[in-house]
PDB file of all heavy atoms in Angstrom:
ATOM      1  N   LEU A   1       0.839  -1.192   0.000  1.00  0.00           N
ATOM      2  CA  LEU A   1       0.000   0.000   0.000  1.00  0.00           C
ATOM      3  C   LEU A   1       0.880   1.250   0.000  1.00  0.00           C
ATOM      4  O   LEU A   1       1.844   1.330   0.752  1.00  0.00           O
ATOM      5  CB  LEU A   1      -0.883   0.026   1.250  1.00  0.00           C
ATOM      6  CG  LEU A   1      -1.878  -1.111   1.408  1.00  0.00           C
ATOM      7  CD1 LEU A   1      -2.569  -1.014   2.765  1.00  0.00           C
ATOM      8  CD2 LEU A   1      -2.904  -1.083   0.308  1.00  0.00           C
ATOM      9  N   THR A   2       0.572   2.198  -0.856  1.00  0.00           N
ATOM     10  CA  THR A   2       1.317   3.449  -0.848  1.00  0.00           C
ATOM     11  C   THR A   2       0.401   4.650  -0.662  1.00  0.00           C
ATOM     12  O   THR A   2       0.771   5.610  -0.013  1.00  0.00           O
ATOM     13  CB  THR A   2       2.129   3.622  -2.150  1.00  0.00           C
ATOM     14  OG1 THR A   2       1.250   3.518  -3.267  1.00  0.00           O
ATOM     15  CG2 THR A   2       3.232   2.585  -2.257  1.00  0.00           C
ATOM     16  N   LYS A   3      -0.795   4.602  -1.219  1.00  0.00           N
ATOM     17  CA  LYS A   3      -1.707   5.745  -1.133  1.00  0.00           C
ATOM     18  C   LYS A   3      -2.831   5.522  -0.139  1.00  0.00           C
ATOM     19  O   LYS A   3      -3.524   6.450   0.234  1.00  0.00           O
ATOM     20  CB  LYS A   3      -2.309   6.046  -2.514  1.00  0.00           C
ATOM     21  CG  LYS A   3      -1.294   6.538  -3.526  1.00  0.00           C
ATOM     22  CD  LYS A   3      -1.971   6.892  -4.825  1.00  0.00           C
ATOM     23  CE  LYS A   3      -0.965   7.414  -5.823  1.00  0.00           C
ATOM     24  NZ  LYS A   3      -1.611   7.781  -7.092  1.00  0.00           N
ATOM     25  N   THR A   4      -3.057   4.292   0.267  1.00  0.00           N
ATOM     26  CA  THR A   4      -4.113   3.999   1.230  1.00  0.00           C
ATOM     27  C   THR A   4      -3.491   3.277   2.415  1.00  0.00           C
ATOM     28  O   THR A   4      -2.397   2.737   2.329  1.00  0.00           O
ATOM     29  CB  THR A   4      -5.212   3.105   0.621  1.00  0.00           C
ATOM     30  OG1 THR A   4      -4.652   1.827   0.324  1.00  0.00           O
ATOM     31  CG2 THR A   4      -5.821   3.709  -0.618  1.00  0.00           C
ATOM     32  N   LYS A   5      -4.198   3.263   3.515  1.00  0.00           N
ATOM     33  CA  LYS A   5      -3.711   2.585   4.714  1.00  0.00           C
ATOM     34  C   LYS A   5      -4.862   1.790   5.308  1.00  0.00           C
ATOM     35  O   LYS A   5      -5.994   2.260   5.307  1.00  0.00           O
ATOM     36  CB  LYS A   5      -3.200   3.629   5.718  1.00  0.00           C
ATOM     37  CG  LYS A   5      -2.562   3.036   6.954  1.00  0.00           C
ATOM     38  CD  LYS A   5      -2.011   4.144   7.827  1.00  0.00           C
ATOM     39  CE  LYS A   5      -1.180   3.655   8.973  1.00  0.00           C
ATOM     40  NZ  LYS A   5      -1.723   2.662   9.829  1.00  0.00           N
ATOM     41  N   VAL A   6      -4.559   0.605   5.781  1.00  0.00           N
ATOM     42  CA  VAL A   6      -5.545  -0.189   6.495  1.00  0.00           C
ATOM     43  C   VAL A   6      -5.084  -0.224   7.939  1.00  0.00           C
ATOM     44  O   VAL A   6      -4.038  -0.781   8.270  1.00  0.00           O
ATOM     45  CB  VAL A   6      -5.660  -1.616   5.919  1.00  0.00           C
ATOM     46  CG1 VAL A   6      -6.594  -2.457   6.770  1.00  0.00           C
ATOM     47  CG2 VAL A   6      -6.153  -1.564   4.481  1.00  0.00           C
ATOM     48  N   ASP A   7      -5.858   0.394   8.799  1.00  0.00           N
ATOM     49  CA  ASP A   7      -5.514   0.472  10.209  1.00  0.00           C
ATOM     50  C   ASP A   7      -5.810  -0.861  10.894  1.00  0.00           C
ATOM     51  O   ASP A   7      -6.799  -1.517  10.584  1.00  0.00           O
ATOM     52  CB  ASP A   7      -6.324   1.598  10.856  1.00  0.00           C
ATOM     53  CG  ASP A   7      -5.829   1.928  12.239  1.00  0.00           C
ATOM     54  OD1 ASP A   7      -4.883   2.732  12.357  1.00  0.00           O
ATOM     55  OD2 ASP A   7      -6.382   1.355  13.198  1.00  0.00           O
ATOM     56  N   ASP A   8      -4.954  -1.231  11.840  1.00  0.00           N
ATOM     57  CA  ASP A   8      -5.146  -2.494  12.560  1.00  0.00           C
ATOM     58  C   ASP A   8      -6.505  -2.577  13.253  1.00  0.00           C
ATOM     59  O   ASP A   8      -7.047  -3.669  13.415  1.00  0.00           O
ATOM     60  CB  ASP A   8      -4.041  -2.686  13.606  1.00  0.00           C
ATOM     61  CG  ASP A   8      -2.735  -3.167  12.998  1.00  0.00           C
ATOM     62  OD1 ASP A   8      -2.679  -3.411  11.776  1.00  0.00           O
ATOM     63  OD2 ASP A   8      -1.759  -3.310  13.766  1.00  0.00           O
ATOM     64  N   THR A   9      -7.064  -1.449  13.656  1.00  0.00           N
ATOM     65  CA  THR A   9      -8.366  -1.496  14.333  1.00  0.00           C
ATOM     66  C   THR A   9      -9.437  -2.067  13.417  1.00  0.00           C
ATOM     67  O   THR A   9     -10.369  -2.712  13.891  1.00  0.00           O
ATOM     68  CB  THR A   9      -8.798  -0.100  14.836  1.00  0.00           C
ATOM     69  OG1 THR A   9      -8.812   0.816  13.735  1.00  0.00           O
ATOM     70  CG2 THR A   9      -7.870   0.405  15.925  1.00  0.00           C
ATOM     71  N   LEU A  10      -9.290  -1.858  12.098  1.00  0.00           N
ATOM     72  CA  LEU A  10     -10.248  -2.444  11.156  1.00  0.00           C
ATOM     73  C   LEU A  10     -10.091  -3.955  11.120  1.00  0.00           C
ATOM     74  O   LEU A  10     -11.082  -4.687  11.098  1.00  0.00           O
ATOM     75  CB  LEU A  10     -10.058  -1.848   9.772  1.00  0.00           C
ATOM     76  CG  LEU A  10     -10.499  -0.396   9.630  1.00  0.00           C
ATOM     77  CD1 LEU A  10     -10.019   0.188   8.313  1.00  0.00           C
ATOM     78  CD2 LEU A  10     -12.009  -0.294   9.728  1.00  0.00           C
ATOM     79  N   CYS A  11      -8.850  -4.444  11.114  1.00  0.00           N
ATOM     80  CA  CYS A  11      -8.623  -5.893  11.116  1.00  0.00           C
ATOM     81  C   CYS A  11      -9.161  -6.520  12.403  1.00  0.00           C
ATOM     82  O   CYS A  11      -9.824  -7.559  12.380  1.00  0.00           O
ATOM     83  CB  CYS A  11      -7.128  -6.199  11.005  1.00  0.00           C
ATOM     84  SG  CYS A  11      -6.330  -5.538   9.529  1.00  0.00           S
ATOM     85  N   LEU A  12      -8.849  -5.843  13.527  1.00  0.00           N
ATOM     86  CA  LEU A  12      -9.205  -6.400  14.830  1.00  0.00           C
ATOM     87  C   LEU A  12     -10.679  -6.235  15.174  1.00  0.00           C
ATOM     88  O   LEU A  12     -11.143  -6.771  16.174  1.00  0.00           O
ATOM     89  CB  LEU A  12      -8.313  -5.785  15.911  1.00  0.00           C
ATOM     90  CG  LEU A  12      -6.827  -6.108  15.725  1.00  0.00           C
ATOM     91  CD1 LEU A  12      -5.984  -5.363  16.750  1.00  0.00           C
ATOM     92  CD2 LEU A  12      -6.560  -7.608  15.781  1.00  0.00           C
ATOM     93  N   ALA A  13     -11.430  -5.540  14.311  1.00  0.00           N
ATOM     94  CA  ALA A  13     -12.877  -5.470  14.496  1.00  0.00           C
ATOM     95  C   ALA A  13     -13.500  -6.838  14.222  1.00  0.00           C
ATOM     96  O   ALA A  13     -14.538  -7.179  14.786  1.00  0.00           O
ATOM     97  CB  ALA A  13     -13.488  -4.411  13.582  1.00  0.00           C
ATOM     98  N   CYS A  14     -12.857  -7.630  13.362  1.00  0.00           N
ATOM     99  CA  CYS A  14     -13.351  -8.971  13.025  1.00  0.00           C
ATOM    100  C   CYS A  14     -12.467 -10.085  13.591  1.00  0.00           C
ATOM    101  O   CYS A  14     -12.949 -11.153  13.939  1.00  0.00           O
ATOM    102  CB  CYS A  14     -13.435  -9.140  11.511  1.00  0.00           C
ATOM    103  SG  CYS A  14     -14.594  -8.017  10.714  1.00  0.00           S
ATOM    104  N   HIS A  15     -11.174  -9.838  13.633  1.00  0.00           N
ATOM    105  CA  HIS A  15     -10.211 -10.848  14.072  1.00  0.00           C
ATOM    106  C   HIS A  15      -9.747 -10.545  15.488  1.00  0.00           C
ATOM    107  O   HIS A  15      -9.212  -9.474  15.750  1.00  0.00           O
ATOM    108  CB  HIS A  15      -8.997 -10.867  13.134  1.00  0.00           C
ATOM    109  CG  HIS A  15      -9.346 -11.148  11.709  1.00  0.00           C
ATOM    110  ND1 HIS A  15      -9.612 -12.418  11.245  1.00  0.00           N
ATOM    111  CD2 HIS A  15      -9.474 -10.321  10.645  1.00  0.00           C
ATOM    112  CE1 HIS A  15      -9.892 -12.360   9.948  1.00  0.00           C
ATOM    113  NE2 HIS A  15      -9.825 -11.106   9.558  1.00  0.00           N
ATOM    114  N   ASP A  16      -9.932 -11.471  16.407  1.00  0.00           N
ATOM    115  CA  ASP A  16      -9.564 -11.293  17.809  1.00  0.00           C
ATOM    116  C   ASP A  16      -8.075 -11.612  18.007  1.00  0.00           C
ATOM    117  O   ASP A  16      -7.630 -12.711  17.675  1.00  0.00           O
ATOM    118  CB  ASP A  16     -10.431 -12.200  18.683  1.00  0.00           C
ATOM    119  CG  ASP A  16     -10.125 -12.031  20.148  1.00  0.00           C
ATOM    120  OD1 ASP A  16     -10.662 -11.077  20.760  1.00  0.00           O
ATOM    121  OD2 ASP A  16      -9.332 -12.829  20.682  1.00  0.00           O
ATOM    122  N   GLN A  17      -7.312 -10.661  18.552  1.00  0.00           N
ATOM    123  CA  GLN A  17      -5.864 -10.819  18.735  1.00  0.00           C
ATOM    124  C   GLN A  17      -5.521 -12.031  19.603  1.00  0.00           C
ATOM    125  O   GLN A  17      -4.613 -12.789  19.287  1.00  0.00           O
ATOM    126  CB  GLN A  17      -5.281  -9.544  19.365  1.00  0.00           C
ATOM    127  CG  GLN A  17      -3.767  -9.586  19.538  1.00  0.00           C
ATOM    128  CD  GLN A  17      -3.013  -9.490  18.220  1.00  0.00           C
ATOM    129  OE1 GLN A  17      -3.380  -8.716  17.352  1.00  0.00           O
ATOM    130  NE2 GLN A  17      -1.972 -10.274  18.074  1.00  0.00           N
ATOM    131  N   GLU A  18      -6.251 -12.236  20.694  1.00  0.00           N
ATOM    132  CA  GLU A  18      -5.969 -13.366  21.582  1.00  0.00           C
ATOM    133  C   GLU A  18      -6.244 -14.699  20.893  1.00  0.00           C
ATOM    134  O   GLU A  18      -5.481 -15.657  21.049  1.00  0.00           O
ATOM    135  CB  GLU A  18      -6.765 -13.250  22.880  1.00  0.00           C
ATOM    136  CG  GLU A  18      -6.255 -12.137  23.778  1.00  0.00           C
ATOM    137  CD  GLU A  18      -7.026 -12.048  25.084  1.00  0.00           C
ATOM    138  OE1 GLU A  18      -7.628 -13.057  25.512  1.00  0.00           O
ATOM    139  OE2 GLU A  18      -7.023 -10.953  25.679  1.00  0.00           O
ATOM    140  N   GLU A  19      -7.329 -14.768  20.119  1.00  0.00           N
ATOM    141  CA  GLU A  19      -7.632 -15.994  19.378  1.00  0.00           C
ATOM    142  C   GLU A  19      -6.558 -16.276  18.333  1.00  0.00           C
ATOM    143  O   GLU A  19      -6.155 -17.421  18.144  1.00  0.00           O
ATOM    144  CB  GLU A  19      -9.000 -15.895  18.702  1.00  0.00           C
ATOM    145  CG  GLU A  19     -10.159 -16.043  19.644  1.00  0.00           C
ATOM    146  CD  GLU A  19     -11.503 -15.939  18.926  1.00  0.00           C
ATOM    147  OE1 GLU A  19     -11.561 -16.143  17.697  1.00  0.00           O
ATOM    148  OE2 GLU A  19     -12.504 -15.644  19.616  1.00  0.00           O
ATOM    149  N   LEU A  20      -6.104 -15.222  17.660  1.00  0.00           N
ATOM    150  CA  LEU A  20      -5.033 -15.392  16.671  1.00  0.00           C
ATOM    151  C   LEU A  20      -3.775 -15.922  17.330  1.00  0.00           C
ATOM    152  O   LEU A  20      -3.119 -16.831  16.815  1.00  0.00           O
ATOM    153  CB  LEU A  20      -4.735 -14.064  15.963  1.00  0.00           C
ATOM    154  CG  LEU A  20      -5.826 -13.515  15.054  1.00  0.00           C
ATOM    155  CD1 LEU A  20      -5.478 -12.103  14.604  1.00  0.00           C
ATOM    156  CD2 LEU A  20      -6.018 -14.422  13.852  1.00  0.00           C
ATOM    157  N   ALA A  21      -3.427 -15.362  18.483  1.00  0.00           N
ATOM    158  CA  ALA A  21      -2.231 -15.794  19.205  1.00  0.00           C
ATOM    159  C   ALA A  21      -2.344 -17.263  19.626  1.00  0.00           C
ATOM    160  O   ALA A  21      -1.373 -18.020  19.534  1.00  0.00           O
ATOM    161  CB  ALA A  21      -1.993 -14.902  20.418  1.00  0.00           C
ATOM    162  N   GLU A  22      -3.534 -17.671  20.060  1.00  0.00           N
ATOM    163  CA  GLU A  22      -3.751 -19.069  20.439  1.00  0.00           C
ATOM    164  C   GLU A  22      -3.594 -19.993  19.233  1.00  0.00           C
ATOM    165  O   GLU A  22      -2.974 -21.050  19.329  1.00  0.00           O
ATOM    166  CB  GLU A  22      -5.139 -19.248  21.055  1.00  0.00           C
ATOM    167  CG  GLU A  22      -5.272 -18.693  22.452  1.00  0.00           C
ATOM    168  CD  GLU A  22      -6.697 -18.799  22.994  1.00  0.00           C
ATOM    169  OE1 GLU A  22      -7.483 -19.639  22.494  1.00  0.00           O
ATOM    170  OE2 GLU A  22      -7.018 -18.028  23.916  1.00  0.00           O
ATOM    171  N   LYS A  23      -4.161 -19.577  18.087  1.00  0.00           N
ATOM    172  CA  LYS A  23      -4.100 -20.405  16.883  1.00  0.00           C
ATOM    173  C   LYS A  23      -2.678 -20.573  16.362  1.00  0.00           C
ATOM    174  O   LYS A  23      -2.365 -21.583  15.731  1.00  0.00           O
ATOM    175  CB  LYS A  23      -4.972 -19.807  15.775  1.00  0.00           C
ATOM    176  CG  LYS A  23      -6.452 -19.974  16.000  1.00  0.00           C
ATOM    177  CD  LYS A  23      -7.249 -19.367  14.868  1.00  0.00           C
ATOM    178  CE  LYS A  23      -8.735 -19.519  15.083  1.00  0.00           C
ATOM    179  NZ  LYS A  23      -9.524 -18.907  14.022  1.00  0.00           N
ATOM    180  N   THR A  24      -1.825 -19.573  16.580  1.00  0.00           N
ATOM    181  CA  THR A  24      -0.452 -19.640  16.048  1.00  0.00           C
ATOM    182  C   THR A  24       0.585 -19.924  17.126  1.00  0.00           C
ATOM    183  O   THR A  24       1.780 -19.763  16.899  1.00  0.00           O
ATOM    184  CB  THR A  24      -0.092 -18.328  15.308  1.00  0.00           C
ATOM    185  OG1 THR A  24      -0.267 -17.214  16.197  1.00  0.00           O
ATOM    186  CG2 THR A  24      -0.946 -18.150  14.066  1.00  0.00           C
ATOM    187  N   ALA A  25       0.142 -20.384  18.300  1.00  0.00           N
ATOM    188  CA  ALA A  25       1.063 -20.658  19.406  1.00  0.00           C
ATOM    189  C   ALA A  25       2.120 -21.691  19.021  1.00  0.00           C
ATOM    190  O   ALA A  25       3.270 -21.598  19.448  1.00  0.00           O
ATOM    191  CB  ALA A  25       0.295 -21.119  20.641  1.00  0.00           C
ATOM    192  N   GLY A  26       1.779 -22.652  18.202  1.00  0.00           N
ATOM    193  CA  GLY A  26       2.729 -23.684  17.803  1.00  0.00           C
ATOM    194  C   GLY A  26       3.402 -23.420  16.468  1.00  0.00           C
ATOM    195  O   GLY A  26       4.151 -24.257  15.961  1.00  0.00           O
ATOM    196  N   SER A  27       3.163 -22.245  15.901  1.00  0.00           N
ATOM    197  CA  SER A  27       3.724 -21.916  14.588  1.00  0.00           C
ATOM    198  C   SER A  27       5.238 -21.768  14.647  1.00  0.00           C
ATOM    199  O   SER A  27       5.779 -21.180  15.568  1.00  0.00           O
ATOM    200  CB  SER A  27       3.113 -20.607  14.080  1.00  0.00           C
ATOM    201  OG  SER A  27       3.769 -20.194  12.899  1.00  0.00           O
ATOM    202  N   THR A  28       5.895 -22.288  13.633  1.00  0.00           N
ATOM    203  CA  THR A  28       7.356 -22.135  13.531  1.00  0.00           C
ATOM    204  C   THR A  28       7.729 -21.228  12.358  1.00  0.00           C
ATOM    205  O   THR A  28       8.867 -21.217  11.919  1.00  0.00           O
ATOM    206  CB  THR A  28       8.039 -23.505  13.368  1.00  0.00           C
ATOM    207  OG1 THR A  28       7.513 -24.150  12.204  1.00  0.00           O
ATOM    208  CG2 THR A  28       7.830 -24.376  14.597  1.00  0.00           C
ATOM    209  N   VAL A  29       6.755 -20.455  11.878  1.00  0.00           N
ATOM    210  CA  VAL A  29       6.989 -19.538  10.763  1.00  0.00           C
ATOM    211  C   VAL A  29       8.101 -18.550  11.101  1.00  0.00           C
ATOM    212  O   VAL A  29       8.940 -18.242  10.271  1.00  0.00           O
ATOM    213  CB  VAL A  29       5.686 -18.793  10.397  1.00  0.00           C
ATOM    214  CG1 VAL A  29       5.955 -17.632   9.466  1.00  0.00           C
ATOM    215  CG2 VAL A  29       4.701 -19.752   9.767  1.00  0.00           C
ATOM    216  N   LEU A  30       8.101 -18.069  12.348  1.00  0.00           N
ATOM    217  CA  LEU A  30       9.125 -17.118  12.773  1.00  0.00           C
ATOM    218  C   LEU A  30      10.171 -17.813  13.638  1.00  0.00           C
ATOM    219  O   LEU A  30      10.206 -17.654  14.854  1.00  0.00           O
ATOM    220  CB  LEU A  30       8.491 -15.944  13.537  1.00  0.00           C
ATOM    221  CG  LEU A  30       7.485 -15.105  12.767  1.00  0.00           C
ATOM    222  CD1 LEU A  30       7.016 -13.931  13.610  1.00  0.00           C
ATOM    223  CD2 LEU A  30       8.068 -14.622  11.449  1.00  0.00           C
ATOM    224  N   ALA A  31      11.020 -18.582  12.979  1.00  0.00           N
ATOM    225  CA  ALA A  31      12.133 -19.248  13.659  1.00  0.00           C
ATOM    226  C   ALA A  31      13.422 -18.655  13.113  1.00  0.00           C
ATOM    227  O   ALA A  31      13.575 -18.490  11.907  1.00  0.00           O
ATOM    228  CB  ALA A  31      12.091 -20.752  13.403  1.00  0.00           C
ATOM    229  N   ASP A  32      14.352 -18.321  14.034  1.00  0.00           N
ATOM    230  CA  ASP A  32      15.610 -17.753  13.560  1.00  0.00           C
ATOM    231  C   ASP A  32      16.668 -18.844  13.430  1.00  0.00           C
ATOM    232  O   ASP A  32      16.428 -20.024  13.725  1.00  0.00           O
ATOM    233  CB  ASP A  32      16.069 -16.592  14.441  1.00  0.00           C
ATOM    234  CG  ASP A  32      16.610 -17.000  15.807  1.00  0.00           C
ATOM    235  OD1 ASP A  32      16.659 -18.217  16.120  1.00  0.00           O
ATOM    236  OD2 ASP A  32      17.000 -16.090  16.566  1.00  0.00           O
TER     237      ASP A  32
END
């Protein structure tokens, strides 16, 4: 995005941060 912005509050209006964290608790996507 360069001319428009999607604010996190719009995402979190539908997607619950705690539920997302629970769903990705076992994720290894971010492994160094």
